[in-house]
Amino acid sequence: MSIQDTQVLITIPPEAIAAVDAWIARRDEPRHSREEAVRIIASHHLGGDDPLTMLPTLVTGRDIV
């Protein structure tokens, strides 16, 4: 995370937290933090492979239909 990143506070239900924790547990060491895991999962679901390469596409709107 850099000083230019925007921090977003969200409420996540317990079953979603459990799913994130299970996703983390299935990964190889070193384990991701919940913050990193949510960022990676969101990136993949939004069509990116890496949060850092996906975000500029979102900002420019190239993937908005």
PDB file of N, CA and C in Angstrom:
ATOM      1  N   MET A   1       0.847  -1.170   0.000  1.00  0.00           N
ATOM      2  CA  MET A   1       0.000   0.000   0.000  1.00  0.00           C
ATOM      3  C   MET A   1       0.892   1.232   0.000  1.00  0.00           C
ATOM      4  N   SER A   2       0.482   2.224  -0.769  1.00  0.00           N
ATOM      5  CA  SER A   2       1.267   3.459  -0.810  1.00  0.00           C
ATOM      6  C   SER A   2       0.453   4.604  -0.260  1.00  0.00           C
ATOM      7  N   ILE A   3       1.100   5.726  -0.082  1.00  0.00           N
ATOM      8  CA  ILE A   3       0.435   6.910   0.459  1.00  0.00           C
ATOM      9  C   ILE A   3      -0.648   7.416  -0.492  1.00  0.00           C
ATOM     10  N   GLN A   4      -0.578   7.048  -1.768  1.00  0.00           N
ATOM     11  CA  GLN A   4      -1.560   7.496  -2.752  1.00  0.00           C
ATOM     12  C   GLN A   4      -2.800   6.605  -2.783  1.00  0.00           C
ATOM     13  N   ASP A   5      -2.753   5.440  -2.152  1.00  0.00           N
ATOM     14  CA  ASP A   5      -3.897   4.532  -2.148  1.00  0.00           C
ATOM     15  C   ASP A   5      -5.029   5.108  -1.316  1.00  0.00           C
ATOM     16  N   THR A   6      -6.251   4.813  -1.719  1.00  0.00           N
ATOM     17  CA  THR A   6      -7.432   5.239  -0.976  1.00  0.00           C
ATOM     18  C   THR A   6      -7.858   4.112  -0.061  1.00  0.00           C
ATOM     19  N   GLN A   7      -8.021   4.421   1.196  1.00  0.00           N
ATOM     20  CA  GLN A   7      -8.461   3.430   2.158  1.00  0.00           C
ATOM     21  C   GLN A   7      -9.981   3.382   2.146  1.00  0.00           C
ATOM     22  N   VAL A   8     -10.540   2.166   2.121  1.00  0.00           N
ATOM     23  CA  VAL A   8     -11.985   1.972   2.091  1.00  0.00           C
ATOM     24  C   VAL A   8     -12.367   1.089   3.266  1.00  0.00           C
ATOM     25  N   LEU A   9     -13.307   1.560   4.053  1.00  0.00           N
ATOM     26  CA  LEU A   9     -13.802   0.781   5.194  1.00  0.00           C
ATOM     27  C   LEU A   9     -15.083   0.092   4.761  1.00  0.00           C
ATOM     28  N   ILE A  10     -15.113  -1.244   4.874  1.00  0.00           N
ATOM     29  CA  ILE A  10     -16.307  -1.996   4.510  1.00  0.00           C
ATOM     30  C   ILE A  10     -16.684  -2.935   5.642  1.00  0.00           C
ATOM     31  N   THR A  11     -17.955  -3.291   5.681  1.00  0.00           N
ATOM     32  CA  THR A  11     -18.446  -4.264   6.645  1.00  0.00           C
ATOM     33  C   THR A  11     -18.610  -5.594   5.914  1.00  0.00           C
ATOM     34  N   ILE A  12     -18.013  -6.632   6.471  1.00  0.00           N
ATOM     35  CA  ILE A  12     -18.067  -7.952   5.848  1.00  0.00           C
ATOM     36  C   ILE A  12     -18.702  -8.915   6.848  1.00  0.00           C
ATOM     37  N   PRO A  13     -19.739  -9.646   6.406  1.00  0.00           N
ATOM     38  CA  PRO A  13     -20.387 -10.591   7.319  1.00  0.00           C
ATOM     39  C   PRO A  13     -19.444 -11.728   7.724  1.00  0.00           C
ATOM     40  N   PRO A  14     -19.691 -12.322   8.870  1.00  0.00           N
ATOM     41  CA  PRO A  14     -18.804 -13.378   9.384  1.00  0.00           C
ATOM     42  C   PRO A  14     -18.563 -14.524   8.401  1.00  0.00           C
ATOM     43  N   GLU A  15     -19.577 -14.922   7.640  1.00  0.00           N
ATOM     44  CA  GLU A  15     -19.381 -16.033   6.710  1.00  0.00           C
ATOM     45  C   GLU A  15     -18.446 -15.639   5.559  1.00  0.00           C
ATOM     46  N   ALA A  16     -18.452 -14.379   5.177  1.00  0.00           N
ATOM     47  CA  ALA A  16     -17.523 -13.917   4.135  1.00  0.00           C
ATOM     48  C   ALA A  16     -16.102 -13.855   4.689  1.00  0.00           C
ATOM     49  N   ILE A  17     -15.946 -13.431   5.932  1.00  0.00           N
ATOM     50  CA  ILE A  17     -14.623 -13.418   6.571  1.00  0.00           C
ATOM     51  C   ILE A  17     -14.087 -14.851   6.651  1.00  0.00           C
ATOM     52  N   ALA A  18     -14.977 -15.793   6.997  1.00  0.00           N
ATOM     53  CA  ALA A  18     -14.561 -17.194   7.059  1.00  0.00           C
ATOM     54  C   ALA A  18     -14.106 -17.679   5.686  1.00  0.00           C
ATOM     55  N   ALA A  19     -14.793 -17.251   4.636  1.00  0.00           N
ATOM     56  CA  ALA A  19     -14.406 -17.650   3.280  1.00  0.00           C
ATOM     57  C   ALA A  19     -13.056 -17.045   2.902  1.00  0.00           C
ATOM     58  N   VAL A  20     -12.814 -15.795   3.272  1.00  0.00           N
ATOM     59  CA  VAL A  20     -11.514 -15.155   3.008  1.00  0.00           C
ATOM     60  C   VAL A  20     -10.420 -15.882   3.779  1.00  0.00           C
ATOM     61  N   ASP A  21     -10.683 -16.185   5.053  1.00  0.00           N
ATOM     62  CA  ASP A  21      -9.694 -16.897   5.863  1.00  0.00           C
ATOM     63  C   ASP A  21      -9.389 -18.285   5.278  1.00  0.00           C
ATOM     64  N   ALA A  22     -10.431 -18.969   4.755  1.00  0.00           N
ATOM     65  CA  ALA A  22     -10.225 -20.279   4.133  1.00  0.00           C
ATOM     66  C   ALA A  22      -9.392 -20.129   2.865  1.00  0.00           C
ATOM     67  N   TRP A  23      -9.640 -19.075   2.090  1.00  0.00           N
ATOM     68  CA  TRP A  23      -8.857 -18.805   0.874  1.00  0.00           C
ATOM     69  C   TRP A  23      -7.392 -18.592   1.235  1.00  0.00           C
ATOM     70  N   ILE A  24      -7.154 -17.821   2.290  1.00  0.00           N
ATOM     71  CA  ILE A  24      -5.784 -17.564   2.754  1.00  0.00           C
ATOM     72  C   ILE A  24      -5.115 -18.873   3.172  1.00  0.00           C
ATOM     73  N   ALA A  25      -5.845 -19.713   3.891  1.00  0.00           N
ATOM     74  CA  ALA A  25      -5.280 -20.975   4.399  1.00  0.00           C
ATOM     75  C   ALA A  25      -4.891 -21.925   3.268  1.00  0.00           C
ATOM     76  N   ARG A  26      -5.562 -21.816   2.122  1.00  0.00           N
ATOM     77  CA  ARG A  26      -5.241 -22.693   0.986  1.00  0.00           C
ATOM     78  C   ARG A  26      -4.017 -22.225   0.206  1.00  0.00           C
ATOM     79  N   ARG A  27      -3.528 -21.044   0.470  1.00  0.00           N
ATOM     80  CA  ARG A  27      -2.385 -20.484  -0.257  1.00  0.00           C
ATOM     81  C   ARG A  27      -1.073 -20.963   0.353  1.00  0.00           C
ATOM     82  N   ASP A  28      -0.041 -20.952  -0.460  1.00  0.00           N
ATOM     83  CA  ASP A  28       1.293 -21.292   0.016  1.00  0.00           C
ATOM     84  C   ASP A  28       1.838 -20.172   0.900  1.00  0.00           C
ATOM     85  N   GLU A  29       2.841 -20.518   1.673  1.00  0.00           N
ATOM     86  CA  GLU A  29       3.541 -19.531   2.496  1.00  0.00           C
ATOM     87  C   GLU A  29       4.299 -18.574   1.593  1.00  0.00           C
ATOM     88  N   PRO A  30       4.525 -17.358   1.941  1.00  0.00           N
ATOM     89  CA  PRO A  30       3.976 -16.690   3.118  1.00  0.00           C
ATOM     90  C   PRO A  30       2.495 -16.372   2.911  1.00  0.00           C
ATOM     91  N   ARG A  31       1.736 -16.466   3.965  1.00  0.00           N
ATOM     92  CA  ARG A  31       0.296 -16.227   3.901  1.00  0.00           C
ATOM     93  C   ARG A  31       0.019 -14.734   3.690  1.00  0.00           C
ATOM     94  N   HIS A  32      -1.070 -14.455   2.957  1.00  0.00           N
ATOM     95  CA  HIS A  32      -1.503 -13.076   2.765  1.00  0.00           C
ATOM     96  C   HIS A  32      -2.253 -12.592   3.997  1.00  0.00           C
ATOM     97  N   SER A  33      -2.227 -11.293   4.230  1.00  0.00           N
ATOM     98  CA  SER A  33      -3.088 -10.711   5.264  1.00  0.00           C
ATOM     99  C   SER A  33      -4.510 -10.682   4.705  1.00  0.00           C
ATOM    100  N   ARG A  34      -5.502 -10.456   5.548  1.00  0.00           N
ATOM    101  CA  ARG A  34      -6.873 -10.326   5.052  1.00  0.00           C
ATOM    102  C   ARG A  34      -6.970  -9.179   4.051  1.00  0.00           C
ATOM    103  N   GLU A  35      -6.306  -8.074   4.362  1.00  0.00           N
ATOM    104  CA  GLU A  35      -6.324  -6.909   3.465  1.00  0.00           C
ATOM    105  C   GLU A  35      -5.805  -7.280   2.078  1.00  0.00           C
ATOM    106  N   GLU A  36      -4.667  -7.959   2.045  1.00  0.00           N
ATOM    107  CA  GLU A  36      -4.085  -8.382   0.758  1.00  0.00           C
ATOM    108  C   GLU A  36      -5.008  -9.371   0.050  1.00  0.00           C
ATOM    109  N   ALA A  37      -5.571 -10.303   0.808  1.00  0.00           N
ATOM    110  CA  ALA A  37      -6.439 -11.325   0.232  1.00  0.00           C
ATOM    111  C   ALA A  37      -7.668 -10.694  -0.411  1.00  0.00           C
ATOM    112  N   VAL A  38      -8.314  -9.776   0.280  1.00  0.00           N
ATOM    113  CA  VAL A  38      -9.497  -9.117  -0.268  1.00  0.00           C
ATOM    114  C   VAL A  38      -9.127  -8.346  -1.532  1.00  0.00           C
ATOM    115  N   ARG A  39      -7.993  -7.674  -1.523  1.00  0.00           N
ATOM    116  CA  ARG A  39      -7.540  -6.924  -2.699  1.00  0.00           C
ATOM    117  C   ARG A  39      -7.295  -7.873  -3.884  1.00  0.00           C
ATOM    118  N   ILE A  40      -6.666  -9.002  -3.637  1.00  0.00           N
ATOM    119  CA  ILE A  40      -6.377  -9.971  -4.699  1.00  0.00           C
ATOM    120  C   ILE A  40      -7.672 -10.596  -5.225  1.00  0.00           C
ATOM    121  N   ILE A  41      -8.543 -11.011  -4.325  1.00  0.00           N
ATOM    122  CA  ILE A  41      -9.808 -11.631  -4.732  1.00  0.00           C
ATOM    123  C   ILE A  41     -10.640 -10.645  -5.544  1.00  0.00           C
ATOM    124  N   ALA A  42     -10.750  -9.414  -5.087  1.00  0.00           N
ATOM    125  CA  ALA A  42     -11.507  -8.394  -5.829  1.00  0.00           C
ATOM    126  C   ALA A  42     -10.897  -8.162  -7.197  1.00  0.00           C
ATOM    127  N   SER A  43      -9.585  -8.101  -7.268  1.00  0.00           N
ATOM    128  CA  SER A  43      -8.906  -7.888  -8.536  1.00  0.00           C
ATOM    129  C   SER A  43      -9.243  -8.994  -9.524  1.00  0.00           C
ATOM    130  N   HIS A  44      -9.180 -10.232  -9.071  1.00  0.00           N
ATOM    131  CA  HIS A  44      -9.471 -11.361  -9.953  1.00  0.00           C
ATOM    132  C   HIS A  44     -10.923 -11.330 -10.425  1.00  0.00           C
ATOM    133  N   HIS A  45     -11.836 -10.981  -9.539  1.00  0.00           N
ATOM    134  CA  HIS A  45     -13.248 -10.935  -9.914  1.00  0.00           C
ATOM    135  C   HIS A  45     -13.564  -9.748 -10.819  1.00  0.00           C
ATOM    136  N   LEU A  46     -12.746  -8.728 -10.775  1.00  0.00           N
ATOM    137  CA  LEU A  46     -12.937  -7.571 -11.663  1.00  0.00           C
ATOM    138  C   LEU A  46     -12.199  -7.735 -12.981  1.00  0.00           C
ATOM    139  N   GLY A  47     -11.533  -8.868 -13.147  1.00  0.00           N
ATOM    140  CA  GLY A  47     -10.912  -9.168 -14.421  1.00  0.00           C
ATOM    141  C   GLY A  47      -9.423  -8.938 -14.495  1.00  0.00           C
ATOM    142  N   GLY A  48      -8.791  -8.597 -13.403  1.00  0.00           N
ATOM    143  CA  GLY A  48      -7.355  -8.377 -13.413  1.00  0.00           C
ATOM    144  C   GLY A  48      -6.604  -9.538 -12.819  1.00  0.00           C
ATOM    145  N   ASP A  49      -5.331  -9.623 -13.140  1.00  0.00           N
ATOM    146  CA  ASP A  49      -4.492 -10.656 -12.557  1.00  0.00           C
ATOM    147  C   ASP A  49      -3.771 -10.148 -11.324  1.00  0.00           C
ATOM    148  N   ASP A  50      -3.529  -8.867 -11.289  1.00  0.00           N
ATOM    149  CA  ASP A  50      -2.752  -8.253 -10.227  1.00  0.00           C
ATOM    150  C   ASP A  50      -3.399  -6.915  -9.896  1.00  0.00           C
ATOM    151  N   PRO A  51      -3.683  -6.651  -8.623  1.00  0.00           N
ATOM    152  CA  PRO A  51      -4.333  -5.391  -8.275  1.00  0.00           C
ATOM    153  C   PRO A  51      -3.614  -4.168  -8.825  1.00  0.00           C
ATOM    154  N   LEU A  52      -2.295  -4.224  -8.895  1.00  0.00           N
ATOM    155  CA  LEU A  52      -1.554  -3.049  -9.339  1.00  0.00           C
ATOM    156  C   LEU A  52      -1.640  -2.839 -10.840  1.00  0.00           C
ATOM    157  N   THR A  53      -1.898  -3.892 -11.614  1.00  0.00           N
ATOM    158  CA  THR A  53      -2.054  -3.713 -13.053  1.00  0.00           C
ATOM    159  C   THR A  53      -3.508  -3.519 -13.432  1.00  0.00           C
ATOM    160  N   MET A  54      -4.435  -3.951 -12.594  1.00  0.00           N
ATOM    161  CA  MET A  54      -5.851  -3.828 -12.883  1.00  0.00           C
ATOM    162  C   MET A  54      -6.368  -2.431 -12.597  1.00  0.00           C
ATOM    163  N   LEU A  55      -5.889  -1.783 -11.557  1.00  0.00           N
ATOM    164  CA  LEU A  55      -6.446  -0.492 -11.145  1.00  0.00           C
ATOM    165  C   LEU A  55      -6.334   0.605 -12.195  1.00  0.00           C
ATOM    166  N   PRO A  56      -5.217   0.755 -12.919  1.00  0.00           N
ATOM    167  CA  PRO A  56      -5.186   1.798 -13.942  1.00  0.00           C
ATOM    168  C   PRO A  56      -6.262   1.605 -15.003  1.00  0.00           C
ATOM    169  N   THR A  57      -6.614   0.367 -15.322  1.00  0.00           N
ATOM    170  CA  THR A  57      -7.676   0.096 -16.283  1.00  0.00           C
ATOM    171  C   THR A  57      -9.010   0.595 -15.742  1.00  0.00           C
ATOM    172  N   LEU A  58      -9.257   0.383 -14.457  1.00  0.00           N
ATOM    173  CA  LEU A  58     -10.504   0.866 -13.869  1.00  0.00           C
ATOM    174  C   LEU A  58     -10.563   2.388 -13.884  1.00  0.00           C
ATOM    175  N   VAL A  59      -9.456   3.024 -13.585  1.00  0.00           N
ATOM    176  CA  VAL A  59      -9.413   4.490 -13.540  1.00  0.00           C
ATOM    177  C   VAL A  59      -9.679   5.088 -14.910  1.00  0.00           C
ATOM    178  N   THR A  60      -9.145   4.481 -15.973  1.00  0.00           N
ATOM    179  CA  THR A  60      -9.332   5.021 -17.315  1.00  0.00           C
ATOM    180  C   THR A  60     -10.692   4.636 -17.880  1.00  0.00           C
ATOM    181  N   GLY A  61     -11.371   3.656 -17.274  1.00  0.00           N
ATOM    182  CA  GLY A  61     -12.683   3.246 -17.746  1.00  0.00           C
ATOM    183  C   GLY A  61     -12.652   2.334 -18.948  1.00  0.00           C
ATOM    184  N   ARG A  62     -11.496   1.825 -19.315  1.00  0.00           N
ATOM    185  CA  ARG A  62     -11.397   0.985 -20.522  1.00  0.00           C
ATOM    186  C   ARG A  62     -12.198  -0.306 -20.375  1.00  0.00           C
ATOM    187  N   ASP A  63     -12.470  -0.754 -19.156  1.00  0.00           N
ATOM    188  CA  ASP A  63     -13.196  -2.013 -19.012  1.00  0.00           C
ATOM    189  C   ASP A  63     -14.652  -1.783 -18.628  1.00  0.00           C
ATOM    190  N   ILE A  64     -15.117  -0.551 -18.675  1.00  0.00           N
ATOM    191  CA  ILE A  64     -16.498  -0.247 -18.336  1.00  0.00           C
ATOM    192  C   ILE A  64     -17.342  -0.328 -19.593  1.00  0.00           C
ATOM    193  N   VAL A  65     -18.437  -1.102 -19.515  1.00  0.00           N
ATOM    194  CA  VAL A  65     -19.308  -1.247 -20.693  1.00  0.00           C
ATOM    195  C   VAL A  65     -20.614  -0.526 -20.484  1.00  0.00           C
TER     196      VAL A  65
END
